[in-house]
C-alpha atoms as a PDB file:
ATOM      1  CA  MET A   1      -6.960  26.466  -0.899  1.00  0.00           C
ATOM      2  CA  GLU A   2      -3.827  25.859   1.193  1.00  0.00           C
ATOM      3  CA  ARG A   3      -0.983  24.097  -0.680  1.00  0.00           C
ATOM      4  CA  ARG A   4      -0.994  20.430   0.324  1.00  0.00           C
ATOM      5  CA  ASN A   5       2.026  18.109   0.272  1.00  0.00           C
ATOM      6  CA  PHE A   6       1.973  14.539  -1.134  1.00  0.00           C
ATOM      7  CA  TYR A   7       4.844  12.199  -1.945  1.00  0.00           C
ATOM      8  CA  ILE A   8       5.573   9.860  -4.801  1.00  0.00           C
ATOM      9  CA  ALA A   9       7.972   6.872  -4.760  1.00  0.00           C
ATOM     10  CA  GLY A  10       9.696   6.812  -8.149  1.00  0.00           C
ATOM     11  CA  MET A  11      11.734   3.679  -8.818  1.00  0.00           C
ATOM     12  CA  SER A  12      14.935   3.851 -10.820  1.00  0.00           C
ATOM     13  CA  GLU A  13      18.413   2.286 -10.500  1.00  0.00           C
ATOM     14  CA  SER A  14      19.902   5.650 -11.469  1.00  0.00           C
ATOM     15  CA  SER A  15      20.017   8.965  -9.529  1.00  0.00           C
ATOM     16  CA  SER A  16      16.667   9.933 -11.079  1.00  0.00           C
ATOM     17  CA  GLY A  17      14.790   7.627  -8.656  1.00  0.00           C
ATOM     18  CA  GLY A  18      13.661   8.499  -5.145  1.00  0.00           C
ATOM     19  CA  ILE A  19      11.082  10.415  -3.233  1.00  0.00           C
ATOM     20  CA  PHE A  20       9.336  13.315  -4.924  1.00  0.00           C
ATOM     21  CA  ARG A  21       7.540  15.941  -2.792  1.00  0.00           C
ATOM     22  CA  CYS A  22       4.607  17.375  -4.667  1.00  0.00           C
ATOM     23  CA  GLN A  23       1.953  19.951  -3.991  1.00  0.00           C
ATOM     24  CA  TYR A  24      -1.581  20.815  -5.050  1.00  0.00           C
ATOM     25  CA  ASP A  25      -3.113  24.246  -4.519  1.00  0.00           C
ATOM     26  CA  GLY A  26      -6.558  23.662  -5.898  1.00  0.00           C
ATOM     27  CA  LEU A  27      -5.521  24.735  -9.410  1.00  0.00           C
ATOM     28  CA  ALA A  28      -2.306  22.894 -10.357  1.00  0.00           C
ATOM     29  CA  PHE A  29      -0.004  20.050  -9.417  1.00  0.00           C
ATOM     30  CA  GLU A  30       3.778  20.415  -9.217  1.00  0.00           C
ATOM     31  CA  THR A  31       6.900  18.681  -8.002  1.00  0.00           C
ATOM     32  CA  VAL A  32       8.604  20.964  -5.478  1.00  0.00           C
ATOM     33  CA  ASP A  33      11.648  18.921  -4.361  1.00  0.00           C
ATOM     34  CA  PHE A  34      13.344  15.566  -4.756  1.00  0.00           C
ATOM     35  CA  THR A  35      15.222  13.174  -2.376  1.00  0.00           C
ATOM     36  CA  PRO A  36      17.356  10.601  -4.284  1.00  0.00           C
ATOM     37  CA  LEU A  37      16.888   7.030  -3.189  1.00  0.00           C
ATOM     38  CA  GLU A  38      17.930   4.153  -5.426  1.00  0.00           C
ATOM     39  CA  ARG A  39      15.147   1.690  -6.339  1.00  0.00           C
ATOM     40  CA  CYS A  40      12.601   3.337  -4.019  1.00  0.00           C
ATOM     41  CA  LEU A  41       9.585   1.009  -3.618  1.00  0.00           C
ATOM     42  CA  PHE A  42       7.299   2.156  -0.790  1.00  0.00           C
ATOM     43  CA  LEU A  43       6.558   5.031   1.588  1.00  0.00           C
ATOM     44  CA  ALA A  44       4.942   5.137   4.995  1.00  0.00           C
ATOM     45  CA  TRP A  45       4.310   7.707   7.711  1.00  0.00           C
ATOM     46  CA  GLY A  46       5.861   7.540  11.161  1.00  0.00           C
ATOM     47  CA  LYS A  47       4.055   8.618  14.325  1.00  0.00           C
ATOM     48  CA  LYS A  48       2.314  11.971  14.059  1.00  0.00           C
ATOM     49  CA  ARG A  49       3.799  12.302  10.526  1.00  0.00           C
ATOM     50  CA  LYS A  50       7.018  13.709  11.905  1.00  0.00           C
ATOM     51  CA  THR A  51       8.985  10.878  10.269  1.00  0.00           C
ATOM     52  CA  LEU A  52       8.754   9.285   6.826  1.00  0.00           C
ATOM     53  CA  TYR A  53       9.978   5.746   6.100  1.00  0.00           C
ATOM     54  CA  ALA A  54      10.887   4.525   2.629  1.00  0.00           C
ATOM     55  CA  THR A  55      12.138   1.177   1.263  1.00  0.00           C
ATOM     56  CA  ALA A  56      14.900   0.866  -1.280  1.00  0.00           C
ATOM     57  CA  GLN A  57      17.248  -1.665  -2.865  1.00  0.00           C
ATOM     58  CA  TYR A  58      21.083  -1.285  -2.989  1.00  0.00           C
ATOM     59  CA  ASP A  59      23.219  -3.928  -4.713  1.00  0.00           C
ATOM     60  CA  GLY A  60      20.505  -6.559  -4.224  1.00  0.00           C
ATOM     61  CA  VAL A  61      20.045  -5.697  -0.534  1.00  0.00           C
ATOM     62  CA  GLY A  62      16.764  -4.303   0.736  1.00  0.00           C
ATOM     63  CA  LYS A  63      16.907  -1.097   2.830  1.00  0.00           C
ATOM     64  CA  ILE A  64      14.697   0.962   5.069  1.00  0.00           C
ATOM     65  CA  ALA A  65      15.364   4.713   5.188  1.00  0.00           C
ATOM     66  CA  ALA A  66      14.096   7.065   7.892  1.00  0.00           C
ATOM     67  CA  TYR A  67      13.606  10.784   7.248  1.00  0.00           C
ATOM     68  CA  ARG A  68      12.662  13.676   9.466  1.00  0.00           C
ATOM     69  CA  VAL A  69       9.829  15.788   8.008  1.00  0.00           C
ATOM     70  CA  ASP A  70      10.044  19.506   8.736  1.00  0.00           C
ATOM     71  CA  SER A  71       7.172  21.985   8.966  1.00  0.00           C
ATOM     72  CA  GLU A  72       7.208  22.524   5.185  1.00  0.00           C
ATOM     73  CA  GLY A  73       7.339  18.829   4.394  1.00  0.00           C
ATOM     74  CA  LYS A  74      11.015  18.707   3.406  1.00  0.00           C
ATOM     75  CA  LEU A  75      12.899  15.514   4.219  1.00  0.00           C
ATOM     76  CA  THR A  76      16.201  15.107   6.101  1.00  0.00           C
ATOM     77  CA  LEU A  77      17.816  11.686   6.215  1.00  0.00           C
ATOM     78  CA  LEU A  78      18.139  10.121   9.680  1.00  0.00           C
ATOM     79  CA  ASP A  79      19.354   6.664   8.960  1.00  0.00           C
ATOM     80  CA  ILE A  80      19.349   3.749   6.423  1.00  0.00           C
ATOM     81  CA  VAL A  81      19.344   0.157   7.676  1.00  0.00           C
ATOM     82  CA  GLY A  82      18.996  -3.300   6.217  1.00  0.00           C
ATOM     83  CA  ALA A  83      15.402  -4.486   5.653  1.00  0.00           C
ATOM     84  CA  GLY A  84      16.353  -8.081   6.380  1.00  0.00           C
ATOM     85  CA  GLY A  85      15.514  -9.167   2.822  1.00  0.00           C
ATOM     86  CA  GLN A  86      15.076  -8.140  -0.802  1.00  0.00           C
ATOM     87  CA  SER A  87      12.376  -5.986  -2.458  1.00  0.00           C
ATOM     88  CA  ALA A  88      10.861  -4.571   0.665  1.00  0.00           C
ATOM     89  CA  CYS A  89       7.496  -3.679  -0.938  1.00  0.00           C
ATOM     90  CA  PHE A  90       5.337  -2.801   2.086  1.00  0.00           C
ATOM     91  CA  LEU A  91       5.785  -1.184   5.503  1.00  0.00           C
ATOM     92  CA  VAL A  92       3.386  -0.871   8.457  1.00  0.00           C
ATOM     93  CA  LEU A  93       3.874   0.951  11.719  1.00  0.00           C
ATOM     94  CA  SER A  94       2.493  -0.220  15.062  1.00  0.00           C
ATOM     95  CA  GLU A  95      -0.060   2.029  16.665  1.00  0.00           C
ATOM     96  CA  ASN A  96       2.361   2.980  19.526  1.00  0.00           C
ATOM     97  CA  GLY A  97       5.089   3.845  16.966  1.00  0.00           C
ATOM     98  CA  LYS A  98       7.535   1.356  18.464  1.00  0.00           C
ATOM     99  CA  HIS A  99       7.797  -1.272  15.770  1.00  0.00           C
ATOM    100  CA  LEU A 100       8.021  -1.069  11.936  1.00  0.00           C
ATOM    101  CA  TYR A 101       7.358  -4.167   9.847  1.00  0.00           C
ATOM    102  CA  SER A 102       8.573  -4.867   6.321  1.00  0.00           C
ATOM    103  CA  ALA A 103       7.182  -7.384   3.748  1.00  0.00           C
ATOM    104  CA  ASN A 104      10.221  -8.507   1.698  1.00  0.00           C
ATOM    105  CA  TYR A 105       8.804  -9.877  -1.596  1.00  0.00           C
ATOM    106  CA  ALA A 106      11.790 -11.255  -3.471  1.00  0.00           C
ATOM    107  CA  SER A 107      13.496 -13.004  -0.520  1.00  0.00           C
ATOM    108  CA  GLY A 108      10.297 -14.531   0.908  1.00  0.00           C
ATOM    109  CA  ASN A 109      10.640 -13.146   4.457  1.00  0.00           C
ATOM    110  CA  PHE A 110       9.329 -10.499   6.763  1.00  0.00           C
ATOM    111  CA  SER A 111      11.153  -8.263   9.249  1.00  0.00           C
ATOM    112  CA  GLU A 112      10.626  -6.216  12.378  1.00  0.00           C
ATOM    113  CA  VAL A 113      12.740  -3.203  13.341  1.00  0.00           C
ATOM    114  CA  THR A 114      12.476  -1.332  16.690  1.00  0.00           C
ATOM    115  CA  LEU A 115      12.064   2.452  16.696  1.00  0.00           C
ATOM    116  CA  GLU A 116      13.177   5.152  19.156  1.00  0.00           C
ATOM    117  CA  ASP A 117      10.564   7.499  20.609  1.00  0.00           C
ATOM    118  CA  ASN A 118      11.698  10.170  18.118  1.00  0.00           C
ATOM    119  CA  GLY A 119      11.095   7.854  15.125  1.00  0.00           C
ATOM    120  CA  CYS A 120      14.754   6.945  14.531  1.00  0.00           C
ATOM    121  CA  ILE A 121      15.560   3.271  13.865  1.00  0.00           C
ATOM    122  CA  ALA A 122      16.961   1.667  17.022  1.00  0.00           C
ATOM    123  CA  LYS A 123      17.885  -1.800  15.922  1.00  0.00           C
ATOM    124  CA  GLU A 124      18.522  -3.217  12.416  1.00  0.00           C
ATOM    125  CA  SER A 125      16.152  -5.998  11.593  1.00  0.00           C
ATOM    126  CA  ARG A 126      15.744  -7.279  15.126  1.00  0.00           C
ATOM    127  CA  LYS A 127      13.562 -10.120  13.829  1.00  0.00           C
ATOM    128  CA  THR A 128      13.468 -11.696  10.412  1.00  0.00           C
ATOM    129  CA  LEU A 129      11.014 -14.529   9.810  1.00  0.00           C
ATOM    130  CA  GLU A 130      11.545 -16.861   6.813  1.00  0.00           C
ATOM    131  CA  PHE A 131       8.477 -18.256   5.031  1.00  0.00           C
ATOM    132  CA  GLY A 132      10.287 -20.704   2.731  1.00  0.00           C
ATOM    133  CA  LYS A 133      10.273 -21.655  -0.966  1.00  0.00           C
ATOM    134  CA  ASN A 134       7.863 -19.804  -3.309  1.00  0.00           C
ATOM    135  CA  SER A 135       7.055 -17.206  -0.604  1.00  0.00           C
ATOM    136  CA  HIS A 136       6.345 -13.656  -1.743  1.00  0.00           C
ATOM    137  CA  PRO A 137       5.024 -11.446   1.109  1.00  0.00           C
ATOM    138  CA  HIS A 138       3.324  -8.431  -0.374  1.00  0.00           C
ATOM    139  CA  CYS A 139       1.482  -6.681   2.461  1.00  0.00           C
ATOM    140  CA  CYS A 140       1.334  -6.507   6.240  1.00  0.00           C
ATOM    141  CA  GLY A 141      -1.011  -4.834   8.732  1.00  0.00           C
ATOM    142  CA  PHE A 142      -2.779  -5.080  12.029  1.00  0.00           C
ATOM    143  CA  THR A 143      -6.152  -6.540  12.922  1.00  0.00           C
ATOM    144  CA  PRO A 144      -8.730  -4.052  14.229  1.00  0.00           C
ATOM    145  CA  ASP A 145      -8.178  -5.003  17.865  1.00  0.00           C
ATOM    146  CA  GLY A 146      -4.380  -4.514  17.470  1.00  0.00           C
ATOM    147  CA  LYS A 147      -3.756  -8.017  18.899  1.00  0.00           C
ATOM    148  CA  PHE A 148      -2.414  -9.586  15.714  1.00  0.00           C
ATOM    149  CA  LEU A 149      -0.154  -8.574  12.905  1.00  0.00           C
ATOM    150  CA  TYR A 150      -0.921 -10.199   9.553  1.00  0.00           C
ATOM    151  CA  VAL A 151       1.252 -10.861   6.508  1.00  0.00           C
ATOM    152  CA  VAL A 152      -0.314 -11.430   3.073  1.00  0.00           C
ATOM    153  CA  ASP A 153       1.819 -13.868   1.086  1.00  0.00           C
ATOM    154  CA  ALA A 154       1.170 -13.779  -2.674  1.00  0.00           C
ATOM    155  CA  GLY A 155       3.443 -16.686  -3.369  1.00  0.00           C
ATOM    156  CA  LEU A 156       1.994 -19.090  -0.841  1.00  0.00           C
ATOM    157  CA  ASP A 157      -1.642 -17.945  -1.268  1.00  0.00           C
ATOM    158  CA  ARG A 158      -2.212 -17.361   2.417  1.00  0.00           C
ATOM    159  CA  VAL A 159      -2.500 -14.799   5.204  1.00  0.00           C
ATOM    160  CA  ILE A 160      -0.284 -15.476   8.245  1.00  0.00           C
ATOM    161  CA  PHE A 161      -1.065 -14.129  11.653  1.00  0.00           C
ATOM    162  CA  TYR A 162       1.239 -13.321  14.560  1.00  0.00           C
ATOM    163  CA  ALA A 163       0.300 -12.310  18.103  1.00  0.00           C
ATOM    164  CA  TYR A 164       1.529  -8.786  18.717  1.00  0.00           C
ATOM    165  CA  ASP A 165       2.809  -7.374  22.058  1.00  0.00           C
ATOM    166  CA  PRO A 166       3.166  -3.549  22.248  1.00  0.00           C
ATOM    167  CA  VAL A 167       6.491  -3.901  24.098  1.00  0.00           C
ATOM    168  CA  ASP A 168       8.124  -6.993  22.652  1.00  0.00           C
ATOM    169  CA  GLY A 169       6.633  -7.004  19.178  1.00  0.00           C
ATOM    170  CA  ILE A 170       5.703 -10.290  17.456  1.00  0.00           C
ATOM    171  CA  GLY A 171       6.600 -13.799  18.419  1.00  0.00           C
ATOM    172  CA  GLU A 172       8.696 -16.242  16.377  1.00  0.00           C
ATOM    173  CA  LYS A 173       5.754 -18.563  15.644  1.00  0.00           C
ATOM    174  CA  SER A 174       2.530 -17.831  13.810  1.00  0.00           C
ATOM    175  CA  SER A 175      -0.715 -17.904  15.709  1.00  0.00           C
ATOM    176  CA  GLY A 176      -2.813 -18.852  12.652  1.00  0.00           C
ATOM    177  CA  ILE A 177      -2.877 -19.219   8.895  1.00  0.00           C
ATOM    178  CA  MET A 178      -5.721 -18.632   6.492  1.00  0.00           C
ATOM    179  CA  GLU A 179      -5.442 -20.255   3.043  1.00  0.00           C
ATOM    180  CA  LEU A 180      -6.681 -18.767  -0.205  1.00  0.00           C
ATOM    181  CA  PRO A 181      -7.382 -20.500  -3.524  1.00  0.00           C
ATOM    182  CA  ALA A 182      -4.223 -21.822  -5.233  1.00  0.00           C
ATOM    183  CA  ALA A 183      -2.511 -19.413  -7.676  1.00  0.00           C
ATOM    184  CA  SER A 184      -4.894 -16.587  -6.760  1.00  0.00           C
ATOM    185  CA  ASN A 185      -1.908 -14.535  -5.466  1.00  0.00           C
ATOM    186  CA  PRO A 186      -3.415 -12.407  -2.694  1.00  0.00           C
ATOM    187  CA  ARG A 187      -1.714  -9.022  -2.777  1.00  0.00           C
ATOM    188  CA  HIS A 188      -3.238  -6.658  -0.232  1.00  0.00           C
ATOM    189  CA  MET A 189      -5.730  -6.893   2.705  1.00  0.00           C
ATOM    190  CA  PHE A 190      -7.331  -3.966   4.454  1.00  0.00           C
ATOM    191  CA  PHE A 191     -10.091  -3.601   7.076  1.00  0.00           C
ATOM    192  CA  ASP A 192     -12.955  -1.141   6.882  1.00  0.00           C
ATOM    193  CA  ALA A 193     -13.147   1.687   9.374  1.00  0.00           C
ATOM    194  CA  ALA A 194     -15.641  -0.145  11.542  1.00  0.00           C
ATOM    195  CA  GLY A 195     -13.264  -3.194  11.748  1.00  0.00           C
ATOM    196  CA  LYS A 196     -16.043  -5.573  10.791  1.00  0.00           C
ATOM    197  CA  ASN A 197     -14.995  -6.502   7.247  1.00  0.00           C
ATOM    198  CA  ALA A 198     -11.630  -7.362   5.629  1.00  0.00           C
ATOM    199  CA  TYR A 199     -11.155  -7.159   1.895  1.00  0.00           C
ATOM    200  CA  ILE A 200      -8.391  -9.067   0.013  1.00  0.00           C
ATOM    201  CA  ILE A 201      -7.460  -8.289  -3.611  1.00  0.00           C
ATOM    202  CA  THR A 202      -5.891 -11.156  -5.587  1.00  0.00           C
ATOM    203  CA  GLU A 203      -3.429 -10.394  -8.326  1.00  0.00           C
ATOM    204  CA  GLN A 204      -4.038 -13.343 -10.631  1.00  0.00           C
ATOM    205  CA  ALA A 205      -7.643 -14.238  -9.817  1.00  0.00           C
ATOM    206  CA  ASN A 206      -8.483 -10.551 -10.330  1.00  0.00           C
ATOM    207  CA  ASP A 207     -11.075 -10.476  -7.575  1.00  0.00           C
ATOM    208  CA  ILE A 208     -11.798  -9.009  -4.140  1.00  0.00           C
ATOM    209  CA  ARG A 209     -12.727 -11.494  -1.342  1.00  0.00           C
ATOM    210  CA  ARG A 210     -14.667 -10.182   1.586  1.00  0.00           C
ATOM    211  CA  TYR A 211     -14.346 -11.640   5.079  1.00  0.00           C
ATOM    212  CA  ARG A 212     -16.180 -10.953   8.316  1.00  0.00           C
ATOM    213  CA  TRP A 213     -13.871 -10.359  11.342  1.00  0.00           C
ATOM    214  CA  GLU A 214     -15.517 -12.206  14.232  1.00  0.00           C
ATOM    215  CA  ASN A 215     -13.975 -13.409  17.476  1.00  0.00           C
ATOM    216  CA  GLY A 216     -10.416 -13.096  16.177  1.00  0.00           C
ATOM    217  CA  LYS A 217     -11.119 -15.031  12.879  1.00  0.00           C
ATOM    218  CA  LEU A 218     -11.767 -14.173   9.282  1.00  0.00           C
ATOM    219  CA  LEU A 219     -14.938 -15.714   7.840  1.00  0.00           C
ATOM    220  CA  MET A 220     -15.385 -15.818   4.083  1.00  0.00           C
ATOM    221  CA  THR A 221     -18.543 -14.127   2.879  1.00  0.00           C
ATOM    222  CA  ASP A 222     -18.458 -13.306  -0.873  1.00  0.00           C
ATOM    223  CA  VAL A 223     -16.249 -12.444  -3.833  1.00  0.00           C
ATOM    224  CA  VAL A 224     -16.498 -10.047  -6.734  1.00  0.00           C
ATOM    225  CA  SER A 225     -14.442  -9.610  -9.936  1.00  0.00           C
ATOM    226  CA  THR A 226     -12.441  -6.425 -10.509  1.00  0.00           C
ATOM    227  CA  LEU A 227     -12.651  -6.739 -14.328  1.00  0.00           C
ATOM    228  CA  PRO A 228     -15.414  -5.979 -16.863  1.00  0.00           C
ATOM    229  CA  GLU A 229     -17.658  -8.881 -17.811  1.00  0.00           C
ATOM    230  CA  LYS A 230     -16.276 -11.048 -20.617  1.00  0.00           C
ATOM    231  CA  SER A 231     -12.943  -9.192 -20.529  1.00  0.00           C
ATOM    232  CA  GLU A 232     -10.288 -10.964 -22.564  1.00  0.00           C
ATOM    233  CA  LYS A 233      -7.390  -8.724 -21.702  1.00  0.00           C
ATOM    234  CA  LYS A 234      -4.482 -10.138 -19.725  1.00  0.00           C
ATOM    235  CA  SER A 235      -4.654  -8.261 -16.497  1.00  0.00           C
ATOM    236  CA  SER A 236      -3.479  -8.395 -12.894  1.00  0.00           C
ATOM    237  CA  ALA A 237      -5.102  -6.571 -10.030  1.00  0.00           C
ATOM    238  CA  SER A 238      -2.925  -4.143  -8.027  1.00  0.00           C
ATOM    239  CA  THR A 239      -4.441  -2.645  -4.876  1.00  0.00           C
ATOM    240  CA  ILE A 240      -7.648  -1.477  -3.123  1.00  0.00           C
ATOM    241  CA  LYS A 241      -8.454   1.815  -1.407  1.00  0.00           C
ATOM    242  CA  PHE A 242     -11.466   3.147   0.447  1.00  0.00           C
ATOM    243  CA  SER A 243     -13.001   6.444  -0.454  1.00  0.00           C
ATOM    244  CA  GLN A 244     -12.526   9.229   2.062  1.00  0.00           C
ATOM    245  CA  ASN A 245     -16.132   8.833   3.291  1.00  0.00           C
ATOM    246  CA  GLY A 246     -15.833   5.044   3.460  1.00  0.00           C
ATOM    247  CA  LYS A 247     -18.793   4.445   1.114  1.00  0.00           C
ATOM    248  CA  PHE A 248     -16.780   3.091  -1.843  1.00  0.00           C
ATOM    249  CA  LEU A 249     -13.906   0.723  -2.490  1.00  0.00           C
ATOM    250  CA  PHE A 250     -11.675   1.198  -5.556  1.00  0.00           C
ATOM    251  CA  ALA A 251      -9.511  -1.462  -7.183  1.00  0.00           C
ATOM    252  CA  GLY A 252      -6.724  -1.158  -9.756  1.00  0.00           C
ATOM    253  CA  ASN A 253      -6.417  -3.392 -12.835  1.00  0.00           C
ATOM    254  CA  ARG A 254      -3.033  -3.495 -14.580  1.00  0.00           C
ATOM    255  CA  GLY A 255      -3.445  -4.654 -18.192  1.00  0.00           C
ATOM    256  CA  ASP A 256      -7.068  -3.662 -18.412  1.00  0.00           C
ATOM    257  CA  ASP A 257      -5.616  -0.308 -17.211  1.00  0.00           C
ATOM    258  CA  SER A 258      -8.746   0.630 -15.254  1.00  0.00           C
ATOM    259  CA  ILE A 259     -10.088   1.436 -11.811  1.00  0.00           C
ATOM    260  CA  ALA A 260     -13.109  -0.569 -10.656  1.00  0.00           C
ATOM    261  CA  ILE A 261     -15.501   1.324  -8.340  1.00  0.00           C
ATOM    262  CA  PHE A 262     -17.621  -0.586  -5.808  1.00  0.00           C
ATOM    263  CA  GLN A 263     -20.363   0.742  -3.553  1.00  0.00           C
ATOM    264  CA  ILE A 264     -20.211  -0.728  -0.067  1.00  0.00           C
ATOM    265  CA  ASP A 265     -23.648  -1.586   1.370  1.00  0.00           C
ATOM    266  CA  CYS A 266     -24.602  -1.457   5.052  1.00  0.00           C
ATOM    267  CA  ASP A 267     -23.235  -4.994   5.628  1.00  0.00           C
ATOM    268  CA  GLY A 268     -19.991  -4.448   3.718  1.00  0.00           C
ATOM    269  CA  LYS A 269     -20.978  -6.217   0.541  1.00  0.00           C
ATOM    270  CA  LEU A 270     -19.476  -4.819  -2.676  1.00  0.00           C
ATOM    271  CA  ASN A 271     -21.629  -3.731  -5.668  1.00  0.00           C
ATOM    272  CA  CYS A 272     -19.743  -2.718  -8.833  1.00  0.00           C
ATOM    273  CA  GLU A 273     -20.842   0.730  -9.931  1.00  0.00           C
ATOM    274  CA  LYS A 274     -18.509   1.374 -12.771  1.00  0.00           C
ATOM    275  CA  ILE A 275     -15.109   0.493 -14.278  1.00  0.00           C
ATOM    276  CA  VAL A 276     -13.276   3.487 -15.724  1.00  0.00           C
ATOM    277  CA  PRO A 277      -9.903   3.974 -17.509  1.00  0.00           C
ATOM    278  CA  SER A 278      -6.927   4.756 -15.323  1.00  0.00           C
ATOM    279  CA  GLY A 279      -5.636   7.367 -17.674  1.00  0.00           C
ATOM    280  CA  ASN A 280      -2.446   5.482 -18.675  1.00  0.00           C
ATOM    281  CA  SER A 281      -0.592   2.159 -18.382  1.00  0.00           C
ATOM    282  CA  SER A 282      -0.532  -0.133 -15.299  1.00  0.00           C
ATOM    283  CA  PRO A 283      -2.202   1.582 -12.305  1.00  0.00           C
ATOM    284  CA  ARG A 284      -0.128   0.060  -9.542  1.00  0.00           C
ATOM    285  CA  GLU A 285      -1.233   2.502  -6.823  1.00  0.00           C
ATOM    286  CA  PHE A 286      -3.595   5.357  -6.224  1.00  0.00           C
ATOM    287  CA  GLU A 287      -4.675   7.613  -3.345  1.00  0.00           C
ATOM    288  CA  PHE A 288      -7.120  10.411  -2.569  1.00  0.00           C
ATOM    289  CA  LEU A 289      -5.515  13.852  -1.939  1.00  0.00           C
ATOM    290  CA  SER A 290      -6.517  15.100   1.535  1.00  0.00           C
ATOM    291  CA  ASP A 291      -9.562  17.387   1.773  1.00  0.00           C
ATOM    292  CA  THR A 292     -10.098  17.346  -1.992  1.00  0.00           C
ATOM    293  CA  ASP A 293     -12.169  15.463  -4.535  1.00  0.00           C
ATOM    294  CA  ILE A 294      -8.932  14.448  -6.378  1.00  0.00           C
ATOM    295  CA  ILE A 295      -7.729  10.868  -6.906  1.00  0.00           C
ATOM    296  CA  ALA A 296      -3.985  10.461  -7.901  1.00  0.00           C
ATOM    297  CA  ILE A 297      -3.377   7.298  -9.948  1.00  0.00           C
ATOM    298  CA  ALA A 298       0.198   6.066 -10.269  1.00  0.00           C
ATOM    299  CA  ASN A 299       0.413   4.479 -13.729  1.00  0.00           C
ATOM    300  CA  GLU A 300       3.704   2.619 -13.363  1.00  0.00           C
ATOM    301  CA  LEU A 301       4.653   1.646 -16.923  1.00  0.00           C
ATOM    302  CA  SER A 302       3.754   4.982 -18.601  1.00  0.00           C
ATOM    303  CA  GLY A 303       5.737   6.865 -15.872  1.00  0.00           C
ATOM    304  CA  GLU A 304       2.916   9.239 -14.920  1.00  0.00           C
ATOM    305  CA  VAL A 305       0.696  10.051 -11.992  1.00  0.00           C
ATOM    306  CA  ASP A 306      -2.669  11.141 -13.455  1.00  0.00           C
ATOM    307  CA  PHE A 307      -5.198  13.199 -11.458  1.00  0.00           C
ATOM    308  CA  PHE A 308      -8.940  12.979 -11.762  1.00  0.00           C
ATOM    309  CA  HIS A 309     -11.971  14.459  -9.983  1.00  0.00           C
ATOM    310  CA  CYS A 310     -13.865  11.842  -7.950  1.00  0.00           C
ATOM    311  CA  GLU A 311     -17.415  12.568  -6.873  1.00  0.00           C
ATOM    312  CA  GLN A 312     -17.683  11.569  -3.191  1.00  0.00           C
ATOM    313  CA  ASN A 313     -21.388  10.832  -3.152  1.00  0.00           C
ATOM    314  CA  SER A 314     -21.367   8.563  -6.286  1.00  0.00           C
ATOM    315  CA  GLY A 315     -17.714   7.447  -6.284  1.00  0.00           C
ATOM    316  CA  ILE A 316     -17.506   8.141  -9.999  1.00  0.00           C
ATOM    317  CA  ILE A 317     -14.112   9.182 -11.399  1.00  0.00           C
ATOM    318  CA  SER A 318     -14.652  11.745 -14.125  1.00  0.00           C
ATOM    319  CA  ASP A 319     -12.814  14.873 -15.263  1.00  0.00           C
ATOM    320  CA  PHE A 320      -9.039  14.591 -15.902  1.00  0.00           C
ATOM    321  CA  CYS A 321      -7.339  17.478 -14.228  1.00  0.00           C
ATOM    322  CA  GLY A 322      -3.571  16.985 -14.721  1.00  0.00           C
ATOM    323  CA  SER A 323      -0.525  14.752 -14.629  1.00  0.00           C
ATOM    324  CA  LEU A 324       3.103  14.656 -13.460  1.00  0.00           C
ATOM    325  CA  GLU A 325       5.934  12.502 -14.831  1.00  0.00           C
ATOM    326  CA  PHE A 326       8.115  10.237 -12.626  1.00  0.00           C
ATOM    327  CA  PRO A 327      10.368   7.228 -13.171  1.00  0.00           C
ATOM    328  CA  ARG A 328       8.117   4.174 -12.516  1.00  0.00           C
ATOM    329  CA  PRO A 329       5.742   5.747  -9.876  1.00  0.00           C
ATOM    330  CA  LEU A 330       5.060   2.949  -7.377  1.00  0.00           C
ATOM    331  CA  TYR A 331       3.429   4.640  -4.457  1.00  0.00           C
ATOM    332  CA  VAL A 332       1.452   7.785  -3.481  1.00  0.00           C
ATOM    333  CA  LEU A 333       1.642   8.929   0.148  1.00  0.00           C
ATOM    334  CA  VAL A 334      -0.677  11.672   1.374  1.00  0.00           C
END
C-alpha cells in the first residue's frame, strides 16, 4: 500500500518533545521526521489539510503554532502566537477555515483566533472568554447545524454554548448552558455523523452519556459505564472515537488501561461489546489510521504508541502489530 503519514504530539519540556511525522506502509511503522515544540499538547488540521496547528506551553504561557504542510507531509513553521491562556489542550477549526478555537485547561478560559485565507494566523487571541474559578475547559466543537460552538468544561461540569457567526465568530455571552452531574468531569463531546446524537465521556464518573440533538437542544437519553463490571481499579476515562464505518464507539480508560468497545444501534444507543487491554499504561488518545484496519493507541505514561488490528465489522481490537516510542504521546492526528 501507499505510505501514509500520521502525526504524534509528544510532550516534553526538553528539545525531545514536539511533533513526530510517522508513516505506515502496510508492513511497518516508522518515525520519518521531527519538529521540536516544547510541551506540545494537541494537533489539528487546517482547511484542506494544507496547514497543521499545534498547541504548546512556553514559560507557563500557552501557544498556538501554525505550520505549512508540503506534498510529502513535512512541516514548515509559519507563526507562533499566544493561546490566550495556559495548557491549550484542544483546538477546533470552523468549517469555513476562518476561526480557530482553543480550550485552555489550566487557566480556565477559551480563546478565538482569526485566520487568513492561506491558514496563517491573522490576529493573536482576538477574543478570550473567562469562565471563572474551578473552570477547566477540555474540549470544544460545533453543533451539527454549525450555528453554535460548544465548550466542555471538566471543572464546572457543564457544556457552554455560543452562537457562531461565520464572519464575526462567537459572541461574548453564552447562548445556553447544560449542566452535568457534580464532579463527573465531562472531558469530550462529539456528535455522530448523522448529527442526531451527542456523546459525552466523563473523566471521573467513567461513563458515556448520550443526548439527542433536537431543535437546537441536547436531551439526555441514557448512560453507560466505560469500565468492566465490579472493577476496583482507580481509573479515569480519556476520550471517545467513532470507528471509520460509524458502527462502533471506542472509549479509553486510564488506570484500567483498556479500550471499551461499544456497538451503536440504529437509534444511537450504546451496547458494550468488549473491553480490551490498551497495550500499555494510560491510553490518553487513539485514532484509526486512514484506509487501514489499524488503531493507534497513545499510551501516555509508558511513552509508546501501540498499534493493533481492529476488525471493522465487529469492532474487536485483536492482533498487536507494532509500537513506536515517544516522550508522553498525547495526541494522534491522521
